[in-house]
Amino acid sequence: MRLCAGLLLLCFQGCLSLTGPGSVSGYVGGSLRVQCQYSPSYKGYRKYWCRGPHDTTCKTIVETDGSEKEKRSGPVSIRDHAANSTITVIMENLSEDDAGSYWCKIQTSFIWDSWSRDPSVSVRVNVFPATTTLPATTAILPLVNSGQNLRISTNVMFIFQLWSLLSSIQFQVLVFLKLPLFLSMLCAIFWVNRL
């Protein structure tokens, strides 16, 4: 039975190990902060922020060296807060060209699983002209709000995070490859024990 629990944990590794806000917004000339939460098992690994439509081909902008020191590349900085398992990325002096798809990623090396890739989560960055107001679906929830509006905003954020999870390669590999393999191994174990 311990073997089954261990196999189940291997199946889920990587799919829920990194979460992010889904989208963040800022103004031209301003700055924005992105925080991605990772599993404590990834303390000491290099974390990085990259840009591109796909996590496998995104271009690295800035990365940590495995420590908690802030690293900077131009107007973008990254810092790993190991105490609360959080990656913080700050983008300063925003321009409209900064809008696009970005990724929080953790650099890992998988010995047992050649199908897996670095854990990653997609973050959509929106940059608006300084004279406009941010839309109601930003990642930052206001502290003063009526209960109903706060509940709606939380639901919207949950949907963004769920969509980010469902569109991740790790989750698709889990559902379409690892989980069926695990279930077939489990059935084989039960069948052998029945004899």
C-alpha atoms as a PDB file:
ATOM      1  CA  MET A   1       0.000   0.000   0.000  1.00  0.00           C
ATOM      2  CA  ARG A   2       2.927   2.349   0.681  1.00  0.00           C
ATOM      3  CA  LEU A   3       4.132   1.715  -2.863  1.00  0.00           C
ATOM      4  CA  CYS A   4       0.749   2.877  -4.228  1.00  0.00           C
ATOM      5  CA  ALA A   5       0.867   6.087  -2.168  1.00  0.00           C
ATOM      6  CA  GLY A   6       4.421   6.767  -3.369  1.00  0.00           C
ATOM      7  CA  LEU A   7       3.447   6.237  -7.008  1.00  0.00           C
ATOM      8  CA  LEU A   8       0.465   8.555  -6.581  1.00  0.00           C
ATOM      9  CA  LEU A   9       2.730  11.284  -5.191  1.00  0.00           C
ATOM     10  CA  LEU A  10       5.062  10.904  -8.183  1.00  0.00           C
ATOM     11  CA  CYS A  11       2.113  11.340 -10.525  1.00  0.00           C
ATOM     12  CA  PHE A  12       1.097  14.618  -8.903  1.00  0.00           C
ATOM     13  CA  GLN A  13       4.622  16.072  -8.650  1.00  0.00           C
ATOM     14  CA  GLY A  14       5.012  19.037 -10.976  1.00  0.00           C
ATOM     15  CA  CYS A  15       1.353  19.684 -11.750  1.00  0.00           C
ATOM     16  CA  LEU A  16       0.468  21.585  -8.566  1.00  0.00           C
ATOM     17  CA  SER A  17       4.007  22.633  -7.584  1.00  0.00           C
ATOM     18  CA  LEU A  18       3.818  26.207  -8.914  1.00  0.00           C
ATOM     19  CA  THR A  19       0.915  28.667  -8.935  1.00  0.00           C
ATOM     20  CA  GLY A  20       0.611  32.271 -10.041  1.00  0.00           C
ATOM     21  CA  PRO A  21      -1.907  35.100 -10.364  1.00  0.00           C
ATOM     22  CA  GLY A  22      -3.000  34.334 -13.945  1.00  0.00           C
ATOM     23  CA  SER A  23      -2.793  38.002 -14.951  1.00  0.00           C
ATOM     24  CA  VAL A  24      -1.477  41.287 -13.597  1.00  0.00           C
ATOM     25  CA  SER A  25      -1.912  44.858 -14.782  1.00  0.00           C
ATOM     26  CA  GLY A  26      -0.001  48.113 -14.605  1.00  0.00           C
ATOM     27  CA  TYR A  27       0.267  51.570 -16.147  1.00  0.00           C
ATOM     28  CA  VAL A  28       2.774  52.919 -18.665  1.00  0.00           C
ATOM     29  CA  GLY A  29       5.701  54.373 -16.704  1.00  0.00           C
ATOM     30  CA  GLY A  30       4.676  52.538 -13.534  1.00  0.00           C
ATOM     31  CA  SER A  31       5.645  49.198 -12.079  1.00  0.00           C
ATOM     32  CA  LEU A  32       3.967  45.930 -11.217  1.00  0.00           C
ATOM     33  CA  ARG A  33       4.697  43.009  -8.917  1.00  0.00           C
ATOM     34  CA  VAL A  34       4.111  39.333  -9.671  1.00  0.00           C
ATOM     35  CA  GLN A  35       4.206  36.675  -6.957  1.00  0.00           C
ATOM     36  CA  CYS A  36       4.297  32.977  -7.756  1.00  0.00           C
ATOM     37  CA  GLN A  37       3.995  30.366  -5.009  1.00  0.00           C
ATOM     38  CA  TYR A  38       5.982  27.106  -5.231  1.00  0.00           C
ATOM     39  CA  SER A  39       6.161  23.847  -3.308  1.00  0.00           C
ATOM     40  CA  PRO A  40       8.703  23.950  -0.429  1.00  0.00           C
ATOM     41  CA  SER A  41      10.461  20.977  -2.048  1.00  0.00           C
ATOM     42  CA  TYR A  42      11.890  23.417  -4.630  1.00  0.00           C
ATOM     43  CA  LYS A  43      13.875  25.525  -2.125  1.00  0.00           C
ATOM     44  CA  GLY A  44      17.376  26.142  -3.424  1.00  0.00           C
ATOM     45  CA  TYR A  45      16.450  25.605  -7.088  1.00  0.00           C
ATOM     46  CA  ARG A  46      16.965  28.379  -9.629  1.00  0.00           C
ATOM     47  CA  LYS A  47      13.803  30.334 -10.411  1.00  0.00           C
ATOM     48  CA  TYR A  48      13.358  32.403 -13.551  1.00  0.00           C
ATOM     49  CA  TRP A  49      11.013  34.767 -15.377  1.00  0.00           C
ATOM     50  CA  CYS A  50      10.695  34.376 -19.118  1.00  0.00           C
ATOM     51  CA  ARG A  51       8.575  35.752 -21.920  1.00  0.00           C
ATOM     52  CA  GLY A  52       6.861  33.978 -24.785  1.00  0.00           C
ATOM     53  CA  PRO A  53       3.617  32.279 -25.815  1.00  0.00           C
ATOM     54  CA  HIS A  54       4.836  28.812 -24.733  1.00  0.00           C
ATOM     55  CA  ASP A  55       6.777  27.757 -21.647  1.00  0.00           C
ATOM     56  CA  THR A  56       9.147  25.555 -23.666  1.00  0.00           C
ATOM     57  CA  THR A  57      10.300  28.333 -26.000  1.00  0.00           C
ATOM     58  CA  CYS A  58      10.098  31.420 -23.792  1.00  0.00           C
ATOM     59  CA  LYS A  59      13.115  33.735 -23.560  1.00  0.00           C
ATOM     60  CA  THR A  60      14.620  34.099 -20.069  1.00  0.00           C
ATOM     61  CA  ILE A  61      14.634  37.696 -18.826  1.00  0.00           C
ATOM     62  CA  VAL A  62      15.992  37.303 -15.307  1.00  0.00           C
ATOM     63  CA  GLU A  63      16.823  34.369 -13.013  1.00  0.00           C
ATOM     64  CA  THR A  64      17.953  33.659  -9.471  1.00  0.00           C
ATOM     65  CA  ASP A  65      21.140  31.778  -8.635  1.00  0.00           C
ATOM     66  CA  GLY A  66      19.473  29.456  -6.120  1.00  0.00           C
ATOM     67  CA  SER A  67      19.884  31.920  -3.256  1.00  0.00           C
ATOM     68  CA  GLU A  68      17.542  34.584  -1.852  1.00  0.00           C
ATOM     69  CA  LYS A  69      19.533  37.482  -3.310  1.00  0.00           C
ATOM     70  CA  GLU A  70      17.664  39.812  -5.633  1.00  0.00           C
ATOM     71  CA  LYS A  71      18.809  39.539  -9.255  1.00  0.00           C
ATOM     72  CA  ARG A  72      18.205  42.296 -11.783  1.00  0.00           C
ATOM     73  CA  SER A  73      18.206  42.555 -15.559  1.00  0.00           C
ATOM     74  CA  GLY A  74      17.443  46.117 -16.631  1.00  0.00           C
ATOM     75  CA  PRO A  75      14.050  47.195 -15.249  1.00  0.00           C
ATOM     76  CA  VAL A  76      13.123  43.657 -14.150  1.00  0.00           C
ATOM     77  CA  SER A  77      14.130  42.043 -10.856  1.00  0.00           C
ATOM     78  CA  ILE A  78      13.470  38.641  -9.306  1.00  0.00           C
ATOM     79  CA  ARG A  79      13.829  37.389  -5.758  1.00  0.00           C
ATOM     80  CA  ASP A  80      13.251  34.012  -4.156  1.00  0.00           C
ATOM     81  CA  HIS A  81      11.715  34.138  -0.668  1.00  0.00           C
ATOM     82  CA  ALA A  82      12.441  30.605   0.597  1.00  0.00           C
ATOM     83  CA  ALA A  83      10.800  31.218   3.990  1.00  0.00           C
ATOM     84  CA  ASN A  84       7.341  31.437   2.393  1.00  0.00           C
ATOM     85  CA  SER A  85       8.149  29.621  -0.905  1.00  0.00           C
ATOM     86  CA  THR A  86       7.431  32.673  -3.059  1.00  0.00           C
ATOM     87  CA  ILE A  87       9.043  34.098  -6.190  1.00  0.00           C
ATOM     88  CA  THR A  88       8.630  37.875  -6.537  1.00  0.00           C
ATOM     89  CA  VAL A  89       9.163  39.560  -9.905  1.00  0.00           C
ATOM     90  CA  ILE A  90       9.055  43.362 -10.194  1.00  0.00           C
ATOM     91  CA  MET A  91       8.786  45.049 -13.589  1.00  0.00           C
ATOM     92  CA  GLU A  92       9.549  48.790 -13.487  1.00  0.00           C
ATOM     93  CA  ASN A  93       9.198  51.657 -15.964  1.00  0.00           C
ATOM     94  CA  LEU A  94       6.530  49.783 -17.914  1.00  0.00           C
ATOM     95  CA  SER A  95       5.838  50.429 -21.582  1.00  0.00           C
ATOM     96  CA  GLU A  96       3.039  49.098 -23.772  1.00  0.00           C
ATOM     97  CA  ASP A  97       5.597  46.739 -25.361  1.00  0.00           C
ATOM     98  CA  ASP A  98       5.910  44.951 -22.001  1.00  0.00           C
ATOM     99  CA  ALA A  99       2.385  43.551 -22.340  1.00  0.00           C
ATOM    100  CA  GLY A 100       2.266  39.860 -23.205  1.00  0.00           C
ATOM    101  CA  SER A 101       2.643  36.304 -21.970  1.00  0.00           C
ATOM    102  CA  TYR A 102       5.243  35.556 -19.300  1.00  0.00           C
ATOM    103  CA  TRP A 103       6.129  32.504 -17.230  1.00  0.00           C
ATOM    104  CA  CYS A 104       7.303  31.876 -13.673  1.00  0.00           C
ATOM    105  CA  LYS A 105       9.526  28.794 -13.933  1.00  0.00           C
ATOM    106  CA  ILE A 106      11.716  26.606 -11.736  1.00  0.00           C
ATOM    107  CA  GLN A 107      14.832  25.050 -13.249  1.00  0.00           C
ATOM    108  CA  THR A 108      14.889  21.358 -12.350  1.00  0.00           C
ATOM    109  CA  SER A 109      16.513  18.175 -13.580  1.00  0.00           C
ATOM    110  CA  PHE A 110      14.376  15.065 -13.634  1.00  0.00           C
ATOM    111  CA  ILE A 111      16.306  11.822 -13.443  1.00  0.00           C
ATOM    112  CA  TRP A 112      13.369   9.405 -13.295  1.00  0.00           C
ATOM    113  CA  ASP A 113      10.951  11.126 -15.629  1.00  0.00           C
ATOM    114  CA  SER A 114      12.136  12.194 -19.073  1.00  0.00           C
ATOM    115  CA  TRP A 115       8.627  13.392 -20.039  1.00  0.00           C
ATOM    116  CA  SER A 116       8.544  16.174 -17.456  1.00  0.00           C
ATOM    117  CA  ARG A 117       9.735  19.733 -17.926  1.00  0.00           C
ATOM    118  CA  ASP A 118      10.506  22.608 -15.622  1.00  0.00           C
ATOM    119  CA  PRO A 119       7.470  23.499 -13.489  1.00  0.00           C
ATOM    120  CA  SER A 120       5.934  26.662 -14.923  1.00  0.00           C
ATOM    121  CA  VAL A 121       2.877  28.873 -14.614  1.00  0.00           C
ATOM    122  CA  SER A 122       1.614  31.387 -17.149  1.00  0.00           C
ATOM    123  CA  VAL A 123       1.136  35.051 -16.197  1.00  0.00           C
ATOM    124  CA  ARG A 124      -0.527  37.504 -18.585  1.00  0.00           C
ATOM    125  CA  VAL A 125       0.885  41.046 -18.209  1.00  0.00           C
ATOM    126  CA  ASN A 126      -1.417  43.921 -19.228  1.00  0.00           C
ATOM    127  CA  VAL A 127      -0.065  47.468 -19.572  1.00  0.00           C
ATOM    128  CA  PHE A 128      -2.498  50.372 -19.952  1.00  0.00           C
ATOM    129  CA  PRO A 129      -1.906  54.033 -20.839  1.00  0.00           C
ATOM    130  CA  ALA A 130      -1.425  56.204 -17.753  1.00  0.00           C
ATOM    131  CA  THR A 131      -4.724  58.053 -18.340  1.00  0.00           C
ATOM    132  CA  THR A 132      -6.940  54.928 -18.224  1.00  0.00           C
ATOM    133  CA  THR A 133      -8.204  53.009 -15.228  1.00  0.00           C
ATOM    134  CA  LEU A 134      -7.449  49.359 -14.644  1.00  0.00           C
ATOM    135  CA  PRO A 135     -10.234  46.887 -15.436  1.00  0.00           C
ATOM    136  CA  ALA A 136     -12.058  45.158 -12.582  1.00  0.00           C
ATOM    137  CA  THR A 137     -10.381  41.793 -13.280  1.00  0.00           C
ATOM    138  CA  THR A 138      -6.860  42.738 -12.141  1.00  0.00           C
ATOM    139  CA  ALA A 139      -4.956  40.334  -9.919  1.00  0.00           C
ATOM    140  CA  ILE A 140      -4.922  42.817  -7.010  1.00  0.00           C
ATOM    141  CA  LEU A 141      -8.072  42.652  -4.917  1.00  0.00           C
ATOM    142  CA  PRO A 142      -9.031  45.865  -3.121  1.00  0.00           C
ATOM    143  CA  LEU A 143      -9.081  45.621   0.675  1.00  0.00           C
ATOM    144  CA  VAL A 144     -12.197  47.741   1.051  1.00  0.00           C
ATOM    145  CA  ASN A 145     -14.992  46.113  -0.863  1.00  0.00           C
ATOM    146  CA  SER A 146     -18.454  44.770  -0.230  1.00  0.00           C
ATOM    147  CA  GLY A 147     -18.646  41.042   0.425  1.00  0.00           C
ATOM    148  CA  GLN A 148     -20.491  40.306  -2.834  1.00  0.00           C
ATOM    149  CA  ASN A 149     -17.938  42.045  -5.089  1.00  0.00           C
ATOM    150  CA  LEU A 150     -15.022  40.443  -3.243  1.00  0.00           C
ATOM    151  CA  ARG A 151     -16.597  37.010  -3.740  1.00  0.00           C
ATOM    152  CA  ILE A 152     -16.990  37.655  -7.479  1.00  0.00           C
ATOM    153  CA  SER A 153     -13.374  38.832  -7.798  1.00  0.00           C
ATOM    154  CA  THR A 154     -12.156  35.752  -5.913  1.00  0.00           C
ATOM    155  CA  ASN A 155     -14.191  33.522  -8.236  1.00  0.00           C
ATOM    156  CA  VAL A 156     -12.675  35.207 -11.290  1.00  0.00           C
ATOM    157  CA  MET A 157      -9.164  34.679  -9.892  1.00  0.00           C
ATOM    158  CA  PHE A 158      -9.975  31.011  -9.168  1.00  0.00           C
ATOM    159  CA  ILE A 159     -11.111  30.542 -12.786  1.00  0.00           C
ATOM    160  CA  PHE A 160      -7.844  32.119 -14.064  1.00  0.00           C
ATOM    161  CA  GLN A 161      -5.765  29.832 -11.825  1.00  0.00           C
ATOM    162  CA  LEU A 162      -7.799  26.767 -12.818  1.00  0.00           C
ATOM    163  CA  TRP A 163      -7.395  27.615 -16.522  1.00  0.00           C
ATOM    164  CA  SER A 164      -3.644  28.071 -15.991  1.00  0.00           C
ATOM    165  CA  LEU A 165      -3.489  24.621 -14.371  1.00  0.00           C
ATOM    166  CA  LEU A 166      -5.581  22.900 -17.051  1.00  0.00           C
ATOM    167  CA  SER A 167      -3.501  24.413 -19.866  1.00  0.00           C
ATOM    168  CA  SER A 168      -0.159  23.434 -18.320  1.00  0.00           C
ATOM    169  CA  ILE A 169       1.783  20.626 -19.960  1.00  0.00           C
ATOM    170  CA  GLN A 170       2.475  19.012 -16.575  1.00  0.00           C
ATOM    171  CA  PHE A 171      -1.256  18.645 -15.880  1.00  0.00           C
ATOM    172  CA  GLN A 172      -1.945  17.214 -19.339  1.00  0.00           C
ATOM    173  CA  VAL A 173       0.898  14.701 -18.965  1.00  0.00           C
ATOM    174  CA  LEU A 174      -0.502  13.768 -15.553  1.00  0.00           C
ATOM    175  CA  VAL A 175      -4.051  13.204 -16.816  1.00  0.00           C
ATOM    176  CA  PHE A 176      -3.321  11.553 -20.173  1.00  0.00           C
ATOM    177  CA  LEU A 177      -0.114   9.626 -19.439  1.00  0.00           C
ATOM    178  CA  LYS A 178       0.883   9.265 -15.792  1.00  0.00           C
ATOM    179  CA  LEU A 179      -2.567   8.704 -14.287  1.00  0.00           C
ATOM    180  CA  PRO A 180      -3.563   5.922 -16.745  1.00  0.00           C
ATOM    181  CA  LEU A 181      -0.175   4.249 -16.199  1.00  0.00           C
ATOM    182  CA  PHE A 182      -0.601   4.490 -12.440  1.00  0.00           C
ATOM    183  CA  LEU A 183      -4.129   3.067 -12.576  1.00  0.00           C
ATOM    184  CA  SER A 184      -3.053   0.181 -14.814  1.00  0.00           C
ATOM    185  CA  MET A 185      -0.172  -0.628 -12.423  1.00  0.00           C
ATOM    186  CA  LEU A 186      -2.599  -0.486  -9.505  1.00  0.00           C
ATOM    187  CA  CYS A 187      -4.984  -2.874 -11.287  1.00  0.00           C
ATOM    188  CA  ALA A 188      -2.096  -5.240 -12.021  1.00  0.00           C
ATOM    189  CA  ILE A 189      -1.083  -5.217  -8.336  1.00  0.00           C
ATOM    190  CA  PHE A 190      -4.646  -5.993  -7.240  1.00  0.00           C
ATOM    191  CA  TRP A 191      -4.957  -8.726  -9.889  1.00  0.00           C
ATOM    192  CA  VAL A 192      -1.683 -10.387  -8.773  1.00  0.00           C
ATOM    193  CA  ASN A 193      -2.724 -10.170  -5.098  1.00  0.00           C
ATOM    194  CA  ARG A 194      -6.076 -11.786  -5.958  1.00  0.00           C
ATOM    195  CA  LEU A 195      -4.314 -14.929  -7.163  1.00  0.00           C
END
